[in-house]
Amino acid sequence: MSQGSMREMVRHYFETQVEFTQHTGIRVDEVGTGTAACSIDVDGGVHRNGLGTVHGGVHATLIDTTMAVSIASLGLRGATTQMNLHFVGAARGGRLVCSAGVVHRTGRTATAEARVHDASGELLALATASFRIFAEGLTAPPSAE
């Protein structure tokens, strides 16, 4: 499969087959080999916490999804087993953009890192996560191990 076909298949899968991605409004903006960029437009009536800033769960969801896309770009399907997230800035609205990349891969695990920036480029959050690889291919059923 060509790299262009893989990119389009990954984008299509996350935007049309993953219900949670559809529900949250996350868009897959870029897919490379082991890399991805996703974004979300903050809805003030849904995404803010009691302080009026974007809820940390929005950052975590955007980061987790973007890292999963970066892993899927390698033709792998997995699940997050651990994530370490640092909040370093606050946003009140606008578009949040996350870029992620796979930094290590073994037979059954992958490690990725990600960063979230606001529209002005300010760093808001950064994370690393480990993923358990269950299958190759986006439509392969997970193993029942």
C-alpha atoms as a PDB file:
ATOM      1  CA  MET A   1       0.000   0.000   0.000  1.00  0.00           C
ATOM      2  CA  SER A   2       1.356   3.426  -0.895  1.00  0.00           C
ATOM      3  CA  GLN A   3       2.069   5.928   1.876  1.00  0.00           C
ATOM      4  CA  GLY A   4      -0.609   8.255   0.457  1.00  0.00           C
ATOM      5  CA  SER A   5      -3.194   5.463   0.595  1.00  0.00           C
ATOM      6  CA  MET A   6      -2.207   4.623   4.181  1.00  0.00           C
ATOM      7  CA  ARG A   7      -2.531   8.263   5.229  1.00  0.00           C
ATOM      8  CA  GLU A   8      -5.987   8.569   3.713  1.00  0.00           C
ATOM      9  CA  MET A   9      -7.116   5.242   5.182  1.00  0.00           C
ATOM     10  CA  VAL A  10      -5.973   6.283   8.682  1.00  0.00           C
ATOM     11  CA  ARG A  11      -7.669   9.686   8.384  1.00  0.00           C
ATOM     12  CA  HIS A  12     -10.901   8.106   7.114  1.00  0.00           C
ATOM     13  CA  TYR A  13     -10.870   5.435   9.841  1.00  0.00           C
ATOM     14  CA  PHE A  14     -10.505   7.895  12.723  1.00  0.00           C
ATOM     15  CA  GLU A  15     -12.973  10.418  11.327  1.00  0.00           C
ATOM     16  CA  THR A  16     -15.725   7.956  10.316  1.00  0.00           C
ATOM     17  CA  GLN A  17     -15.258   4.696  12.243  1.00  0.00           C
ATOM     18  CA  VAL A  18     -14.086   5.792  15.707  1.00  0.00           C
ATOM     19  CA  GLU A  19     -17.238   6.986  17.444  1.00  0.00           C
ATOM     20  CA  PHE A  20     -15.433   8.903  20.185  1.00  0.00           C
ATOM     21  CA  THR A  21     -13.452  10.933  17.656  1.00  0.00           C
ATOM     22  CA  GLN A  22     -16.713  11.862  15.934  1.00  0.00           C
ATOM     23  CA  HIS A  23     -18.329  12.762  19.262  1.00  0.00           C
ATOM     24  CA  THR A  24     -15.480  15.029  20.371  1.00  0.00           C
ATOM     25  CA  GLY A  25     -15.110  16.828  17.047  1.00  0.00           C
ATOM     26  CA  ILE A  26     -11.415  16.023  16.692  1.00  0.00           C
ATOM     27  CA  ARG A  27     -10.146  16.334  13.124  1.00  0.00           C
ATOM     28  CA  VAL A  28      -7.211  14.420  11.678  1.00  0.00           C
ATOM     29  CA  ASP A  29      -5.224  17.129   9.893  1.00  0.00           C
ATOM     30  CA  GLU A  30      -2.002  15.339   8.937  1.00  0.00           C
ATOM     31  CA  VAL A  31      -0.779  11.747   8.846  1.00  0.00           C
ATOM     32  CA  GLY A  32       2.851  10.855   8.181  1.00  0.00           C
ATOM     33  CA  THR A  33       4.890   7.725   8.772  1.00  0.00           C
ATOM     34  CA  GLY A  34       4.704   7.407  12.554  1.00  0.00           C
ATOM     35  CA  THR A  35       3.481  10.986  12.942  1.00  0.00           C
ATOM     36  CA  ALA A  36       0.161  12.791  13.096  1.00  0.00           C
ATOM     37  CA  ALA A  37      -1.455  16.151  13.740  1.00  0.00           C
ATOM     38  CA  CYS A  38      -5.027  16.572  14.961  1.00  0.00           C
ATOM     39  CA  SER A  39      -7.041  19.579  16.055  1.00  0.00           C
ATOM     40  CA  ILE A  40     -10.200  20.559  17.874  1.00  0.00           C
ATOM     41  CA  ASP A  41     -12.137  23.821  17.966  1.00  0.00           C
ATOM     42  CA  VAL A  42     -12.980  24.682  21.553  1.00  0.00           C
ATOM     43  CA  ASP A  43     -16.691  25.072  22.266  1.00  0.00           C
ATOM     44  CA  GLY A  44     -17.045  27.378  25.272  1.00  0.00           C
ATOM     45  CA  GLY A  45     -20.266  25.711  26.345  1.00  0.00           C
ATOM     46  CA  VAL A  46     -18.754  22.227  26.432  1.00  0.00           C
ATOM     47  CA  HIS A  47     -14.963  22.257  26.759  1.00  0.00           C
ATOM     48  CA  ARG A  48     -14.277  24.666  29.626  1.00  0.00           C
ATOM     49  CA  ASN A  49     -13.760  23.916  33.308  1.00  0.00           C
ATOM     50  CA  GLY A  50     -14.946  25.959  36.304  1.00  0.00           C
ATOM     51  CA  LEU A  51     -12.081  28.429  35.842  1.00  0.00           C
ATOM     52  CA  GLY A  52     -13.150  29.197  32.274  1.00  0.00           C
ATOM     53  CA  THR A  53     -10.148  27.503  30.691  1.00  0.00           C
ATOM     54  CA  VAL A  54     -10.116  24.407  28.498  1.00  0.00           C
ATOM     55  CA  HIS A  55     -10.647  21.315  30.655  1.00  0.00           C
ATOM     56  CA  GLY A  56      -7.619  19.046  31.006  1.00  0.00           C
ATOM     57  CA  GLY A  57      -9.690  16.147  29.720  1.00  0.00           C
ATOM     58  CA  VAL A  58      -9.968  17.895  26.352  1.00  0.00           C
ATOM     59  CA  HIS A  59      -6.169  18.084  26.149  1.00  0.00           C
ATOM     60  CA  ALA A  60      -5.846  14.443  27.234  1.00  0.00           C
ATOM     61  CA  THR A  61      -8.389  13.277  24.669  1.00  0.00           C
ATOM     62  CA  LEU A  62      -6.757  15.249  21.861  1.00  0.00           C
ATOM     63  CA  ILE A  63      -3.309  13.935  22.841  1.00  0.00           C
ATOM     64  CA  ASP A  64      -4.414  10.309  23.183  1.00  0.00           C
ATOM     65  CA  THR A  65      -6.226  10.400  19.839  1.00  0.00           C
ATOM     66  CA  THR A  66      -3.309  12.037  18.017  1.00  0.00           C
ATOM     67  CA  MET A  67      -0.817   9.526  19.400  1.00  0.00           C
ATOM     68  CA  ALA A  68      -3.157   6.690  18.371  1.00  0.00           C
ATOM     69  CA  VAL A  69      -3.276   8.120  14.839  1.00  0.00           C
ATOM     70  CA  SER A  70       0.537   8.229  14.741  1.00  0.00           C
ATOM     71  CA  ILE A  71       0.651   4.537  15.703  1.00  0.00           C
ATOM     72  CA  ALA A  72      -2.082   3.634  13.219  1.00  0.00           C
ATOM     73  CA  SER A  73      -0.038   5.335  10.488  1.00  0.00           C
ATOM     74  CA  LEU A  74       2.416   2.448  10.902  1.00  0.00           C
ATOM     75  CA  GLY A  75      -0.407  -0.007  10.179  1.00  0.00           C
ATOM     76  CA  LEU A  76      -0.828  -0.927  13.851  1.00  0.00           C
ATOM     77  CA  ARG A  77      -3.832  -1.090  16.155  1.00  0.00           C
ATOM     78  CA  GLY A  78      -3.400  -0.738  19.887  1.00  0.00           C
ATOM     79  CA  ALA A  79      -4.641   0.718  23.149  1.00  0.00           C
ATOM     80  CA  THR A  80      -3.140   3.173  25.598  1.00  0.00           C
ATOM     81  CA  THR A  81      -1.688   1.463  28.654  1.00  0.00           C
ATOM     82  CA  GLN A  82      -0.078   4.474  30.325  1.00  0.00           C
ATOM     83  CA  MET A  83       0.062   8.231  29.714  1.00  0.00           C
ATOM     84  CA  ASN A  84       2.110  10.930  31.438  1.00  0.00           C
ATOM     85  CA  LEU A  85       0.673  14.381  30.775  1.00  0.00           C
ATOM     86  CA  HIS A  86       1.994  17.811  31.755  1.00  0.00           C
ATOM     87  CA  PHE A  87      -0.194  20.908  31.558  1.00  0.00           C
ATOM     88  CA  VAL A  88       2.014  23.948  30.994  1.00  0.00           C
ATOM     89  CA  GLY A  89      -0.409  26.594  29.707  1.00  0.00           C
ATOM     90  CA  ALA A  90      -4.081  27.470  29.681  1.00  0.00           C
ATOM     91  CA  ALA A  91      -6.424  28.175  26.785  1.00  0.00           C
ATOM     92  CA  ARG A  92      -9.868  29.730  26.890  1.00  0.00           C
ATOM     93  CA  GLY A  93     -10.966  28.986  23.351  1.00  0.00           C
ATOM     94  CA  GLY A  94      -9.998  28.788  19.719  1.00  0.00           C
ATOM     95  CA  ARG A  95      -8.347  25.911  17.930  1.00  0.00           C
ATOM     96  CA  LEU A  96      -6.047  23.500  19.735  1.00  0.00           C
ATOM     97  CA  VAL A  97      -3.539  21.606  17.606  1.00  0.00           C
ATOM     98  CA  CYS A  98      -1.720  18.468  18.691  1.00  0.00           C
ATOM     99  CA  SER A  99       1.281  16.934  16.957  1.00  0.00           C
ATOM    100  CA  ALA A 100       2.493  13.460  17.885  1.00  0.00           C
ATOM    101  CA  GLY A 101       5.055  10.906  16.858  1.00  0.00           C
ATOM    102  CA  VAL A 102       6.085   7.364  17.639  1.00  0.00           C
ATOM    103  CA  VAL A 103       9.471   7.426  19.376  1.00  0.00           C
ATOM    104  CA  HIS A 104       9.954   3.707  20.112  1.00  0.00           C
ATOM    105  CA  ARG A 105       8.483   0.443  18.894  1.00  0.00           C
ATOM    106  CA  THR A 106       8.901  -3.171  19.966  1.00  0.00           C
ATOM    107  CA  GLY A 107       6.890  -6.242  18.992  1.00  0.00           C
ATOM    108  CA  ARG A 108       3.937  -5.596  21.311  1.00  0.00           C
ATOM    109  CA  THR A 109       4.377  -2.018  22.488  1.00  0.00           C
ATOM    110  CA  ALA A 110       4.893   1.449  21.104  1.00  0.00           C
ATOM    111  CA  THR A 111       5.782   4.708  22.825  1.00  0.00           C
ATOM    112  CA  ALA A 112       4.671   8.072  21.476  1.00  0.00           C
ATOM    113  CA  GLU A 113       5.040  11.693  22.488  1.00  0.00           C
ATOM    114  CA  ALA A 114       2.785  14.663  21.796  1.00  0.00           C
ATOM    115  CA  ARG A 115       2.448  18.414  22.252  1.00  0.00           C
ATOM    116  CA  VAL A 116      -0.625  20.654  22.197  1.00  0.00           C
ATOM    117  CA  HIS A 117      -0.397  24.281  21.059  1.00  0.00           C
ATOM    118  CA  ASP A 118      -3.003  26.992  20.718  1.00  0.00           C
ATOM    119  CA  ALA A 119      -3.530  28.969  17.506  1.00  0.00           C
ATOM    120  CA  SER A 120      -0.780  31.445  18.474  1.00  0.00           C
ATOM    121  CA  GLY A 121       1.720  28.604  18.959  1.00  0.00           C
ATOM    122  CA  GLU A 122       1.806  28.682  22.768  1.00  0.00           C
ATOM    123  CA  LEU A 123       2.619  25.283  24.282  1.00  0.00           C
ATOM    124  CA  LEU A 124      -0.284  24.110  26.453  1.00  0.00           C
ATOM    125  CA  ALA A 125       0.437  20.455  27.208  1.00  0.00           C
ATOM    126  CA  LEU A 126       2.940  17.714  26.475  1.00  0.00           C
ATOM    127  CA  ALA A 127       2.789  13.983  27.037  1.00  0.00           C
ATOM    128  CA  THR A 128       4.297  10.579  26.500  1.00  0.00           C
ATOM    129  CA  ALA A 129       2.326   7.358  26.399  1.00  0.00           C
ATOM    130  CA  SER A 130       2.753   3.631  25.985  1.00  0.00           C
ATOM    131  CA  PHE A 131       0.474   1.577  23.773  1.00  0.00           C
ATOM    132  CA  ARG A 132      -0.130  -2.165  23.679  1.00  0.00           C
ATOM    133  CA  ILE A 133      -0.181  -3.342  20.078  1.00  0.00           C
ATOM    134  CA  PHE A 134      -2.986  -5.840  19.450  1.00  0.00           C
ATOM    135  CA  ALA A 135      -3.089  -6.199  15.699  1.00  0.00           C
ATOM    136  CA  GLU A 136      -1.808  -4.964  12.397  1.00  0.00           C
ATOM    137  CA  GLY A 137      -4.264  -3.125  10.205  1.00  0.00           C
ATOM    138  CA  LEU A 138      -7.082  -0.783  11.184  1.00  0.00           C
ATOM    139  CA  THR A 139      -9.900  -3.246  10.678  1.00  0.00           C
ATOM    140  CA  ALA A 140      -8.331  -6.272  12.323  1.00  0.00           C
ATOM    141  CA  PRO A 141     -10.223  -7.350  15.447  1.00  0.00           C
ATOM    142  CA  PRO A 142      -8.261  -7.006  18.682  1.00  0.00           C
ATOM    143  CA  SER A 143      -6.842 -10.209  20.054  1.00  0.00           C
ATOM    144  CA  ALA A 144      -8.753 -11.740  22.989  1.00  0.00           C
ATOM    145  CA  GLU A 145      -5.586 -12.330  25.059  1.00  0.00           C
END
